[in-house]
Amino acid sequence: MSDVLALVASVLQIQPADLREDDGTETVPAWDSLKTILLASMIEITYGITLDNHDIEQLTSIPGVRGVLARHGRQ
């Protein structure tokens, strides 16, 4: 299982196997705005990066999370 899926699942308090690569706020009921902010914090801690507002706005889907990490040279 991907580290990204495991991290997102941990924040959402669901099983990583319950996430698909195209999931996001539209498909996962547990993924709300508060969880997005928590996810941003966990990404900063886990990957040692600082996210700006634009980055945080992108953290609404698995592809968005992967894109943010790629822009910061992680993943």
N, C-alpha and C. Protein backbone atom coordinates (compact mmCIF):
# COMPACT_ATOMS: atom_id res chain seq x y z
N MET A 1 0.85 -1.19 0.00
CA MET A 1 0.00 0.00 0.00
C MET A 1 0.89 1.24 0.00
N SER A 2 0.51 2.20 -0.76
CA SER A 2 1.27 3.44 -0.89
C SER A 2 1.34 4.21 0.42
N ASP A 3 2.47 4.86 0.65
CA ASP A 3 2.62 5.71 1.83
C ASP A 3 1.57 6.82 1.84
N VAL A 4 1.26 7.38 0.68
CA VAL A 4 0.27 8.45 0.60
C VAL A 4 -1.10 7.92 1.02
N LEU A 5 -1.49 6.77 0.49
CA LEU A 5 -2.78 6.20 0.88
C LEU A 5 -2.81 5.90 2.37
N ALA A 6 -1.72 5.38 2.90
CA ALA A 6 -1.66 5.07 4.33
C ALA A 6 -1.78 6.34 5.17
N LEU A 7 -1.11 7.40 4.76
CA LEU A 7 -1.18 8.66 5.50
C LEU A 7 -2.58 9.25 5.45
N VAL A 8 -3.18 9.29 4.28
CA VAL A 8 -4.53 9.83 4.14
C VAL A 8 -5.52 8.99 4.95
N ALA A 9 -5.40 7.68 4.85
CA ALA A 9 -6.30 6.79 5.59
C ALA A 9 -6.15 7.01 7.09
N SER A 10 -4.93 7.21 7.54
CA SER A 10 -4.69 7.45 8.96
C SER A 10 -5.41 8.72 9.43
N VAL A 11 -5.29 9.78 8.65
CA VAL A 11 -5.93 11.04 9.00
C VAL A 11 -7.46 10.89 8.98
N LEU A 12 -7.96 10.16 8.00
CA LEU A 12 -9.41 9.98 7.87
C LEU A 12 -9.96 8.92 8.81
N GLN A 13 -9.06 8.20 9.47
CA GLN A 13 -9.43 7.12 10.38
C GLN A 13 -10.24 6.03 9.68
N ILE A 14 -9.71 5.64 8.50
CA ILE A 14 -10.29 4.52 7.75
C ILE A 14 -9.14 3.60 7.35
N GLN A 15 -9.46 2.46 6.80
CA GLN A 15 -8.46 1.51 6.35
C GLN A 15 -7.88 1.94 5.00
N PRO A 16 -6.56 1.84 4.82
CA PRO A 16 -5.98 2.19 3.52
C PRO A 16 -6.61 1.42 2.36
N ALA A 17 -7.00 0.20 2.59
CA ALA A 17 -7.62 -0.61 1.53
C ALA A 17 -8.96 -0.05 1.08
N ASP A 18 -9.55 0.84 1.90
CA ASP A 18 -10.83 1.45 1.55
C ASP A 18 -10.67 2.66 0.64
N LEU A 19 -9.44 3.07 0.36
CA LEU A 19 -9.18 4.21 -0.52
C LEU A 19 -8.76 3.75 -1.91
N ARG A 20 -9.22 4.49 -2.92
CA ARG A 20 -8.79 4.27 -4.29
C ARG A 20 -7.94 5.45 -4.73
N GLU A 21 -7.17 5.29 -5.75
CA GLU A 21 -6.27 6.34 -6.23
C GLU A 21 -7.00 7.59 -6.69
N ASP A 22 -8.28 7.49 -7.02
CA ASP A 22 -9.01 8.67 -7.49
C ASP A 22 -9.97 9.23 -6.44
N ASP A 23 -9.87 8.77 -5.20
CA ASP A 23 -10.77 9.24 -4.14
C ASP A 23 -10.44 10.67 -3.71
N GLY A 24 -11.45 11.30 -3.11
CA GLY A 24 -11.30 12.65 -2.59
C GLY A 24 -12.51 13.02 -1.76
N THR A 25 -12.69 14.31 -1.56
CA THR A 25 -13.78 14.78 -0.71
C THR A 25 -15.15 14.43 -1.27
N GLU A 26 -15.24 14.25 -2.57
CA GLU A 26 -16.52 13.92 -3.19
C GLU A 26 -16.91 12.45 -3.01
N THR A 27 -15.94 11.61 -2.75
CA THR A 27 -16.22 10.17 -2.68
C THR A 27 -16.00 9.55 -1.31
N VAL A 28 -15.35 10.28 -0.41
CA VAL A 28 -15.08 9.75 0.93
C VAL A 28 -15.77 10.65 1.95
N PRO A 29 -16.88 10.21 2.53
CA PRO A 29 -17.63 11.05 3.47
C PRO A 29 -16.81 11.57 4.65
N ALA A 30 -15.83 10.81 5.09
CA ALA A 30 -15.02 11.23 6.25
C ALA A 30 -14.06 12.37 5.90
N TRP A 31 -13.85 12.66 4.62
CA TRP A 31 -12.88 13.66 4.18
C TRP A 31 -13.56 15.02 4.09
N ASP A 32 -13.56 15.75 5.22
CA ASP A 32 -14.16 17.07 5.27
C ASP A 32 -13.06 18.13 5.39
N SER A 33 -13.46 19.38 5.55
CA SER A 33 -12.48 20.47 5.59
C SER A 33 -11.56 20.37 6.80
N LEU A 34 -12.06 19.94 7.92
CA LEU A 34 -11.22 19.78 9.10
C LEU A 34 -10.16 18.71 8.87
N LYS A 35 -10.55 17.60 8.25
CA LYS A 35 -9.60 16.53 7.96
C LYS A 35 -8.56 16.99 6.93
N THR A 36 -8.96 17.89 6.03
CA THR A 36 -8.00 18.42 5.05
C THR A 36 -6.91 19.22 5.77
N ILE A 37 -7.30 20.03 6.75
CA ILE A 37 -6.32 20.81 7.51
C ILE A 37 -5.42 19.87 8.33
N LEU A 38 -6.01 18.85 8.93
CA LEU A 38 -5.23 17.87 9.67
C LEU A 38 -4.26 17.14 8.73
N LEU A 39 -4.73 16.81 7.54
CA LEU A 39 -3.88 16.17 6.55
C LEU A 39 -2.70 17.07 6.19
N ALA A 40 -2.96 18.36 6.02
CA ALA A 40 -1.88 19.30 5.71
C ALA A 40 -0.83 19.28 6.82
N SER A 41 -1.27 19.28 8.06
CA SER A 41 -0.34 19.24 9.18
C SER A 41 0.48 17.96 9.19
N MET A 42 -0.18 16.85 8.94
CA MET A 42 0.52 15.57 8.94
C MET A 42 1.52 15.48 7.78
N ILE A 43 1.17 16.05 6.64
CA ILE A 43 2.11 16.07 5.51
C ILE A 43 3.33 16.90 5.87
N GLU A 44 3.12 18.06 6.48
CA GLU A 44 4.25 18.90 6.87
C GLU A 44 5.17 18.17 7.85
N ILE A 45 4.59 17.49 8.82
CA ILE A 45 5.38 16.76 9.81
C ILE A 45 6.09 15.57 9.17
N THR A 46 5.35 14.78 8.40
CA THR A 46 5.89 13.55 7.83
C THR A 46 6.97 13.81 6.79
N TYR A 47 6.74 14.81 5.93
CA TYR A 47 7.66 15.04 4.82
C TYR A 47 8.61 16.22 5.05
N GLY A 48 8.47 16.92 6.19
CA GLY A 48 9.37 18.01 6.50
C GLY A 48 9.28 19.18 5.53
N ILE A 49 8.07 19.49 5.09
CA ILE A 49 7.86 20.60 4.16
C ILE A 49 6.86 21.58 4.76
N THR A 50 6.82 22.77 4.20
CA THR A 50 5.85 23.78 4.61
C THR A 50 4.91 24.02 3.44
N LEU A 51 3.62 23.88 3.71
CA LEU A 51 2.61 24.06 2.67
C LEU A 51 2.05 25.47 2.73
N ASP A 52 1.79 26.04 1.56
CA ASP A 52 1.12 27.34 1.51
C ASP A 52 -0.38 27.12 1.26
N ASN A 53 -1.13 28.20 1.21
CA ASN A 53 -2.58 28.09 1.03
C ASN A 53 -2.95 27.37 -0.25
N HIS A 54 -2.22 27.64 -1.33
CA HIS A 54 -2.50 26.97 -2.60
C HIS A 54 -2.32 25.45 -2.46
N ASP A 55 -1.25 25.05 -1.80
CA ASP A 55 -1.02 23.62 -1.57
C ASP A 55 -2.19 23.00 -0.81
N ILE A 56 -2.58 23.66 0.27
CA ILE A 56 -3.65 23.11 1.12
C ILE A 56 -4.95 22.98 0.35
N GLU A 57 -5.23 23.93 -0.53
CA GLU A 57 -6.45 23.87 -1.35
C GLU A 57 -6.45 22.65 -2.27
N GLN A 58 -5.28 22.12 -2.59
CA GLN A 58 -5.16 20.96 -3.48
C GLN A 58 -5.34 19.63 -2.76
N LEU A 59 -5.37 19.66 -1.43
CA LEU A 59 -5.40 18.42 -0.65
C LEU A 59 -6.82 17.87 -0.48
N THR A 60 -7.57 17.86 -1.56
CA THR A 60 -8.95 17.38 -1.51
C THR A 60 -9.14 16.07 -2.27
N SER A 61 -8.03 15.48 -2.71
CA SER A 61 -8.09 14.20 -3.41
C SER A 61 -6.73 13.54 -3.33
N ILE A 62 -6.70 12.25 -3.57
CA ILE A 62 -5.42 11.52 -3.60
C ILE A 62 -4.52 12.09 -4.69
N PRO A 63 -5.03 12.32 -5.92
CA PRO A 63 -4.15 12.92 -6.93
C PRO A 63 -3.65 14.30 -6.52
N GLY A 64 -4.48 15.07 -5.84
CA GLY A 64 -4.07 16.38 -5.37
C GLY A 64 -2.94 16.29 -4.35
N VAL A 65 -3.05 15.34 -3.43
CA VAL A 65 -1.99 15.12 -2.44
C VAL A 65 -0.70 14.73 -3.14
N ARG A 66 -0.80 13.82 -4.09
CA ARG A 66 0.39 13.40 -4.83
C ARG A 66 1.02 14.57 -5.59
N GLY A 67 0.18 15.42 -6.16
CA GLY A 67 0.68 16.59 -6.89
C GLY A 67 1.42 17.56 -5.99
N VAL A 68 0.87 17.82 -4.82
CA VAL A 68 1.52 18.72 -3.86
C VAL A 68 2.87 18.14 -3.45
N LEU A 69 2.89 16.86 -3.13
CA LEU A 69 4.16 16.24 -2.74
C LEU A 69 5.18 16.29 -3.87
N ALA A 70 4.73 16.06 -5.09
CA ALA A 70 5.65 16.11 -6.23
C ALA A 70 6.23 17.51 -6.42
N ARG A 71 5.40 18.54 -6.23
CA ARG A 71 5.89 19.91 -6.36
C ARG A 71 6.94 20.25 -5.31
N HIS A 72 6.88 19.55 -4.18
CA HIS A 72 7.85 19.78 -3.11
C HIS A 72 9.00 18.76 -3.16
N GLY A 73 9.07 18.02 -4.25
CA GLY A 73 10.17 17.07 -4.42
C GLY A 73 10.09 15.85 -3.52
N ARG A 74 8.91 15.53 -3.09
CA ARG A 74 8.69 14.35 -2.24
C ARG A 74 7.91 13.33 -3.02
N GLN A 75 8.00 12.08 -2.55
CA GLN A 75 7.22 10.98 -3.11
C GLN A 75 8.01 10.20 -4.10
